[in-house]
Amino acid sequence: MATYNIGFIVGSVSSTSINRRLANALVKLAPQADLTLTEIPIANLPFYSADHDGGIPAAAAEFKQAVEAADGIIIVTPEYNRSVPGVLKNALDTASRPWGQNSFAGKPTAVAGASIGQIGTALAQQHLRSILAFLDAPDLQQPEVYLQMTEGLISEDGEVSNESTAEFLLGWLRTAHAHFELHAKRNG
């Protein structure tokens, strides 16, 4: 089974992000699913503006190159006001511009998210999947990860305290691996 180099984006820049904890758990579990996860940070991206299309800012160019270099992308996002955080939307807009230079085109993706609420990040993920469809980024549809984060479930460094949650996340990563592999074969 091939190992794939997957970029991951955390849709929150909060220092106390529970989605960063989820991403850290996925990083720890990834080798068991023959994946290597590397963060593609978004905190330092300038706000997207068409004014920059003629001369892309260095941070935006580096972000676009990192997306393009990855075999696939995992997006771990919180839900803000029943949608995706503005910082994540800005990153997606940055990667997809200027027109005709969409770094997500054909890039397989998988989406996960955590919340303290019972429905997790279901509505944010619905909006995110709509954006990814427009960006021509084939998304893993099933299984879905709408994780309800409870106290102590995942530590800051990504240790999962509940065995069934760890197994679920590992199963999701294995399914994501198959999704990335399918698209690698189609594209290559």
C-alpha atoms as a PDB file:
ATOM      1  CA  MET A   1       0.000   0.000   0.000  1.00  0.00           C
ATOM      2  CA  ALA A   2       1.431   3.385  -1.015  1.00  0.00           C
ATOM      3  CA  THR A   3       2.026   6.090   1.565  1.00  0.00           C
ATOM      4  CA  TYR A   4       0.546   9.457   0.618  1.00  0.00           C
ATOM      5  CA  ASN A   5       1.765  12.885   1.682  1.00  0.00           C
ATOM      6  CA  ILE A   6      -1.343  14.725   2.787  1.00  0.00           C
ATOM      7  CA  GLY A   7      -1.536  18.373   3.685  1.00  0.00           C
ATOM      8  CA  PHE A   8      -3.904  19.334   6.447  1.00  0.00           C
ATOM      9  CA  ILE A   9      -5.524  22.659   7.169  1.00  0.00           C
ATOM     10  CA  VAL A  10      -6.941  23.556  10.569  1.00  0.00           C
ATOM     11  CA  GLY A  11      -9.807  26.008  10.065  1.00  0.00           C
ATOM     12  CA  SER A  12      -9.173  27.744  13.380  1.00  0.00           C
ATOM     13  CA  VAL A  13      -6.254  29.896  14.430  1.00  0.00           C
ATOM     14  CA  SER A  14      -7.229  29.877  18.114  1.00  0.00           C
ATOM     15  CA  SER A  15      -4.499  28.822  20.533  1.00  0.00           C
ATOM     16  CA  THR A  16      -7.091  26.693  22.362  1.00  0.00           C
ATOM     17  CA  SER A  17      -8.645  25.129  19.252  1.00  0.00           C
ATOM     18  CA  ILE A  18     -10.276  21.755  19.843  1.00  0.00           C
ATOM     19  CA  ASN A  19      -9.979  21.196  16.087  1.00  0.00           C
ATOM     20  CA  ARG A  20      -6.209  21.495  16.403  1.00  0.00           C
ATOM     21  CA  ARG A  21      -6.422  18.722  19.019  1.00  0.00           C
ATOM     22  CA  LEU A  22      -8.410  16.631  16.529  1.00  0.00           C
ATOM     23  CA  ALA A  23      -5.828  17.353  13.823  1.00  0.00           C
ATOM     24  CA  ASN A  24      -3.033  16.333  16.224  1.00  0.00           C
ATOM     25  CA  ALA A  25      -4.870  13.050  16.871  1.00  0.00           C
ATOM     26  CA  LEU A  26      -5.122  12.418  13.127  1.00  0.00           C
ATOM     27  CA  VAL A  27      -1.385  13.124  12.734  1.00  0.00           C
ATOM     28  CA  LYS A  28      -0.604  10.536  15.442  1.00  0.00           C
ATOM     29  CA  LEU A  29      -2.909   7.935  13.874  1.00  0.00           C
ATOM     30  CA  ALA A  30      -1.967   8.622  10.232  1.00  0.00           C
ATOM     31  CA  PRO A  31       1.074   6.318   9.941  1.00  0.00           C
ATOM     32  CA  GLN A  32      -1.189   3.346  10.732  1.00  0.00           C
ATOM     33  CA  ALA A  33      -3.208   4.324   7.638  1.00  0.00           C
ATOM     34  CA  ASP A  34      -0.106   4.814   5.439  1.00  0.00           C
ATOM     35  CA  LEU A  35      -0.501   8.585   5.436  1.00  0.00           C
ATOM     36  CA  THR A  36       1.947  11.323   6.335  1.00  0.00           C
ATOM     37  CA  LEU A  37       0.188  14.496   7.454  1.00  0.00           C
ATOM     38  CA  THR A  38       1.841  17.903   7.232  1.00  0.00           C
ATOM     39  CA  GLU A  39       0.125  21.103   8.269  1.00  0.00           C
ATOM     40  CA  ILE A  40      -0.432  23.826   5.714  1.00  0.00           C
ATOM     41  CA  PRO A  41      -0.846  26.853   8.000  1.00  0.00           C
ATOM     42  CA  ILE A  42      -3.352  29.608   7.260  1.00  0.00           C
ATOM     43  CA  ALA A  43      -2.847  32.101  10.112  1.00  0.00           C
ATOM     44  CA  ASN A  44      -0.453  34.369   8.204  1.00  0.00           C
ATOM     45  CA  LEU A  45      -2.349  34.526   4.923  1.00  0.00           C
ATOM     46  CA  PRO A  46      -3.294  38.047   3.848  1.00  0.00           C
ATOM     47  CA  PHE A  47      -6.948  38.700   3.096  1.00  0.00           C
ATOM     48  CA  TYR A  48      -7.676  37.646  -0.460  1.00  0.00           C
ATOM     49  CA  SER A  49      -8.174  40.560  -2.844  1.00  0.00           C
ATOM     50  CA  ALA A  50      -8.332  40.546  -6.626  1.00  0.00           C
ATOM     51  CA  ASP A  51      -6.015  43.557  -6.362  1.00  0.00           C
ATOM     52  CA  HIS A  52      -3.201  41.036  -5.700  1.00  0.00           C
ATOM     53  CA  ASP A  53      -3.943  38.739  -8.643  1.00  0.00           C
ATOM     54  CA  GLY A  54      -1.167  40.334 -10.699  1.00  0.00           C
ATOM     55  CA  GLY A  55       1.393  39.907  -7.938  1.00  0.00           C
ATOM     56  CA  ILE A  56       0.455  37.222  -5.436  1.00  0.00           C
ATOM     57  CA  PRO A  57       1.802  37.944  -1.922  1.00  0.00           C
ATOM     58  CA  ALA A  58       4.600  35.577  -0.854  1.00  0.00           C
ATOM     59  CA  ALA A  59       2.552  33.913   1.926  1.00  0.00           C
ATOM     60  CA  ALA A  60      -0.302  33.251  -0.509  1.00  0.00           C
ATOM     61  CA  ALA A  61       2.071  31.839  -3.135  1.00  0.00           C
ATOM     62  CA  GLU A  62       3.640  29.517  -0.543  1.00  0.00           C
ATOM     63  CA  PHE A  63       0.192  28.357   0.556  1.00  0.00           C
ATOM     64  CA  LYS A  64      -0.871  27.636  -3.028  1.00  0.00           C
ATOM     65  CA  GLN A  65       2.369  25.707  -3.671  1.00  0.00           C
ATOM     66  CA  ALA A  66       1.873  23.600  -0.521  1.00  0.00           C
ATOM     67  CA  VAL A  67      -1.667  22.675  -1.596  1.00  0.00           C
ATOM     68  CA  GLU A  68      -0.454  21.771  -5.078  1.00  0.00           C
ATOM     69  CA  ALA A  69       2.448  19.660  -3.749  1.00  0.00           C
ATOM     70  CA  ALA A  70       0.242  17.526  -1.482  1.00  0.00           C
ATOM     71  CA  ASP A  71      -1.260  14.233  -2.670  1.00  0.00           C
ATOM     72  CA  GLY A  72      -4.494  15.285  -0.973  1.00  0.00           C
ATOM     73  CA  ILE A  73      -5.848  17.667   1.634  1.00  0.00           C
ATOM     74  CA  ILE A  74      -7.599  17.080   4.955  1.00  0.00           C
ATOM     75  CA  ILE A  75      -9.499  20.050   6.343  1.00  0.00           C
ATOM     76  CA  VAL A  76     -10.300  20.008  10.062  1.00  0.00           C
ATOM     77  CA  THR A  77     -12.743  22.779  10.805  1.00  0.00           C
ATOM     78  CA  PRO A  78     -14.842  24.254  13.568  1.00  0.00           C
ATOM     79  CA  GLU A  79     -18.273  25.700  12.923  1.00  0.00           C
ATOM     80  CA  TYR A  80     -18.755  29.436  13.313  1.00  0.00           C
ATOM     81  CA  ASN A  81     -22.303  30.800  13.011  1.00  0.00           C
ATOM     82  CA  ARG A  82     -23.480  27.652  11.186  1.00  0.00           C
ATOM     83  CA  SER A  83     -20.749  27.930   8.547  1.00  0.00           C
ATOM     84  CA  VAL A  84     -16.982  27.810   8.028  1.00  0.00           C
ATOM     85  CA  PRO A  85     -14.692  30.253   9.828  1.00  0.00           C
ATOM     86  CA  GLY A  86     -13.723  33.338   7.831  1.00  0.00           C
ATOM     87  CA  VAL A  87     -10.028  32.468   8.068  1.00  0.00           C
ATOM     88  CA  LEU A  88     -10.702  29.116   6.343  1.00  0.00           C
ATOM     89  CA  LYS A  89     -12.844  30.704   3.632  1.00  0.00           C
ATOM     90  CA  ASN A  90     -10.056  33.222   3.043  1.00  0.00           C
ATOM     91  CA  ALA A  91      -7.560  30.351   2.629  1.00  0.00           C
ATOM     92  CA  LEU A  92      -9.810  28.597   0.107  1.00  0.00           C
ATOM     93  CA  ASP A  93     -10.328  31.833  -1.825  1.00  0.00           C
ATOM     94  CA  THR A  94      -6.571  32.446  -1.805  1.00  0.00           C
ATOM     95  CA  ALA A  95      -5.827  28.954  -3.132  1.00  0.00           C
ATOM     96  CA  SER A  96      -8.399  29.207  -5.910  1.00  0.00           C
ATOM     97  CA  ARG A  97      -7.237  32.521  -7.374  1.00  0.00           C
ATOM     98  CA  PRO A  98      -6.336  34.195  -9.621  1.00  0.00           C
ATOM     99  CA  TRP A  99      -8.889  32.841 -12.081  1.00  0.00           C
ATOM    100  CA  GLY A 100      -7.502  29.811 -13.906  1.00  0.00           C
ATOM    101  CA  GLN A 101      -4.925  29.059 -11.175  1.00  0.00           C
ATOM    102  CA  ASN A 102      -7.056  27.030  -8.754  1.00  0.00           C
ATOM    103  CA  SER A 103      -4.656  25.028  -6.581  1.00  0.00           C
ATOM    104  CA  PHE A 104      -7.519  22.770  -5.432  1.00  0.00           C
ATOM    105  CA  ALA A 105      -8.592  21.684  -8.938  1.00  0.00           C
ATOM    106  CA  GLY A 106      -8.670  17.875  -8.961  1.00  0.00           C
ATOM    107  CA  LYS A 107      -7.112  17.685  -5.472  1.00  0.00           C
ATOM    108  CA  PRO A 108      -8.816  14.963  -3.386  1.00  0.00           C
ATOM    109  CA  THR A 109     -10.010  16.203  -0.014  1.00  0.00           C
ATOM    110  CA  ALA A 110     -11.460  14.890   3.226  1.00  0.00           C
ATOM    111  CA  VAL A 111     -13.235  16.942   5.890  1.00  0.00           C
ATOM    112  CA  ALA A 112     -13.513  16.489   9.652  1.00  0.00           C
ATOM    113  CA  GLY A 113     -14.474  18.687  12.553  1.00  0.00           C
ATOM    114  CA  ALA A 114     -15.071  18.863  16.268  1.00  0.00           C
ATOM    115  CA  SER A 115     -17.410  20.896  18.430  1.00  0.00           C
ATOM    116  CA  ILE A 116     -18.649  20.830  21.998  1.00  0.00           C
ATOM    117  CA  GLY A 117     -22.183  20.574  20.589  1.00  0.00           C
ATOM    118  CA  GLN A 118     -23.923  17.314  19.739  1.00  0.00           C
ATOM    119  CA  ILE A 119     -24.180  17.953  16.004  1.00  0.00           C
ATOM    120  CA  GLY A 120     -20.477  18.614  15.774  1.00  0.00           C
ATOM    121  CA  THR A 121     -19.646  20.686  12.738  1.00  0.00           C
ATOM    122  CA  ALA A 122     -22.323  19.323  10.403  1.00  0.00           C
ATOM    123  CA  LEU A 123     -23.470  22.647   8.965  1.00  0.00           C
ATOM    124  CA  ALA A 124     -19.949  24.006   8.497  1.00  0.00           C
ATOM    125  CA  GLN A 125     -19.006  20.815   6.688  1.00  0.00           C
ATOM    126  CA  GLN A 126     -22.076  21.068   4.459  1.00  0.00           C
ATOM    127  CA  HIS A 127     -20.999  24.574   3.415  1.00  0.00           C
ATOM    128  CA  LEU A 128     -17.394  23.465   3.050  1.00  0.00           C
ATOM    129  CA  ARG A 129     -18.374  20.573   0.783  1.00  0.00           C
ATOM    130  CA  SER A 130     -20.286  22.995  -1.414  1.00  0.00           C
ATOM    131  CA  ILE A 131     -17.188  25.193  -1.715  1.00  0.00           C
ATOM    132  CA  LEU A 132     -14.955  22.191  -2.446  1.00  0.00           C
ATOM    133  CA  ALA A 133     -17.364  21.015  -5.158  1.00  0.00           C
ATOM    134  CA  PHE A 134     -17.087  24.407  -6.855  1.00  0.00           C
ATOM    135  CA  LEU A 135     -13.297  24.218  -6.540  1.00  0.00           C
ATOM    136  CA  ASP A 136     -13.356  20.830  -8.325  1.00  0.00           C
ATOM    137  CA  ALA A 137     -11.807  19.152  -5.269  1.00  0.00           C
ATOM    138  CA  PRO A 138     -13.316  15.647  -4.960  1.00  0.00           C
ATOM    139  CA  ASP A 139     -14.325  15.159  -1.342  1.00  0.00           C
ATOM    140  CA  LEU A 140     -14.622  11.980   0.717  1.00  0.00           C
ATOM    141  CA  GLN A 141     -18.346  11.708   1.445  1.00  0.00           C
ATOM    142  CA  GLN A 142     -18.513   8.804   3.914  1.00  0.00           C
ATOM    143  CA  PRO A 143     -17.867   8.230   6.718  1.00  0.00           C
ATOM    144  CA  GLU A 144     -18.365  11.691   8.164  1.00  0.00           C
ATOM    145  CA  VAL A 145     -16.505  13.015  11.212  1.00  0.00           C
ATOM    146  CA  TYR A 146     -18.746  15.284  13.300  1.00  0.00           C
ATOM    147  CA  LEU A 147     -16.968  14.760  16.585  1.00  0.00           C
ATOM    148  CA  GLN A 148     -18.491  15.987  19.828  1.00  0.00           C
ATOM    149  CA  MET A 149     -15.500  16.996  21.922  1.00  0.00           C
ATOM    150  CA  THR A 150     -15.846  16.198  25.596  1.00  0.00           C
ATOM    151  CA  GLU A 151     -13.424  17.058  28.388  1.00  0.00           C
ATOM    152  CA  GLY A 152     -10.354  14.826  28.155  1.00  0.00           C
ATOM    153  CA  LEU A 153     -11.341  13.056  24.910  1.00  0.00           C
ATOM    154  CA  ILE A 154      -8.274  14.315  23.039  1.00  0.00           C
ATOM    155  CA  SER A 155      -5.259  15.856  24.753  1.00  0.00           C
ATOM    156  CA  GLU A 156      -3.359  18.894  23.451  1.00  0.00           C
ATOM    157  CA  ASP A 157      -0.764  16.601  21.867  1.00  0.00           C
ATOM    158  CA  GLY A 158      -3.380  14.421  20.155  1.00  0.00           C
ATOM    159  CA  GLU A 159      -3.706  11.438  22.478  1.00  0.00           C
ATOM    160  CA  VAL A 160      -7.224   9.987  22.222  1.00  0.00           C
ATOM    161  CA  SER A 161      -8.454   8.683  25.590  1.00  0.00           C
ATOM    162  CA  ASN A 162     -11.437   6.723  24.238  1.00  0.00           C
ATOM    163  CA  GLU A 163     -10.502   3.552  22.353  1.00  0.00           C
ATOM    164  CA  SER A 164     -13.652   3.484  20.195  1.00  0.00           C
ATOM    165  CA  THR A 165     -13.072   7.112  19.141  1.00  0.00           C
ATOM    166  CA  ALA A 166      -9.462   6.307  18.225  1.00  0.00           C
ATOM    167  CA  GLU A 167     -10.616   3.291  16.189  1.00  0.00           C
ATOM    168  CA  PHE A 168     -13.274   5.390  14.448  1.00  0.00           C
ATOM    169  CA  LEU A 169     -10.722   8.059  13.508  1.00  0.00           C
ATOM    170  CA  LEU A 170      -8.263   5.418  12.305  1.00  0.00           C
ATOM    171  CA  GLY A 171     -11.006   3.825  10.199  1.00  0.00           C
ATOM    172  CA  TRP A 172     -11.800   7.232   8.728  1.00  0.00           C
ATOM    173  CA  LEU A 173      -8.129   7.771   7.880  1.00  0.00           C
ATOM    174  CA  ARG A 174      -7.988   4.368   6.167  1.00  0.00           C
ATOM    175  CA  THR A 175     -11.043   5.269   4.100  1.00  0.00           C
ATOM    176  CA  ALA A 176      -9.434   8.633   3.299  1.00  0.00           C
ATOM    177  CA  HIS A 177      -6.316   6.738   2.168  1.00  0.00           C
ATOM    178  CA  ALA A 178      -8.442   4.731  -0.279  1.00  0.00           C
ATOM    179  CA  HIS A 179     -10.018   7.984  -1.517  1.00  0.00           C
ATOM    180  CA  PHE A 180      -6.601   9.577  -2.075  1.00  0.00           C
ATOM    181  CA  GLU A 181      -5.340   6.414  -3.779  1.00  0.00           C
ATOM    182  CA  LEU A 182      -8.338   6.276  -6.118  1.00  0.00           C
ATOM    183  CA  HIS A 183      -7.716   9.821  -7.268  1.00  0.00           C
ATOM    184  CA  ALA A 184      -3.956   9.252  -7.581  1.00  0.00           C
ATOM    185  CA  LYS A 185      -4.661   6.360  -9.957  1.00  0.00           C
ATOM    186  CA  ARG A 186      -7.155   8.434 -11.962  1.00  0.00           C
ATOM    187  CA  ASN A 187      -4.703  11.319 -12.271  1.00  0.00           C
ATOM    188  CA  GLY A 188      -1.585   9.446 -12.857  1.00  0.00           C
END
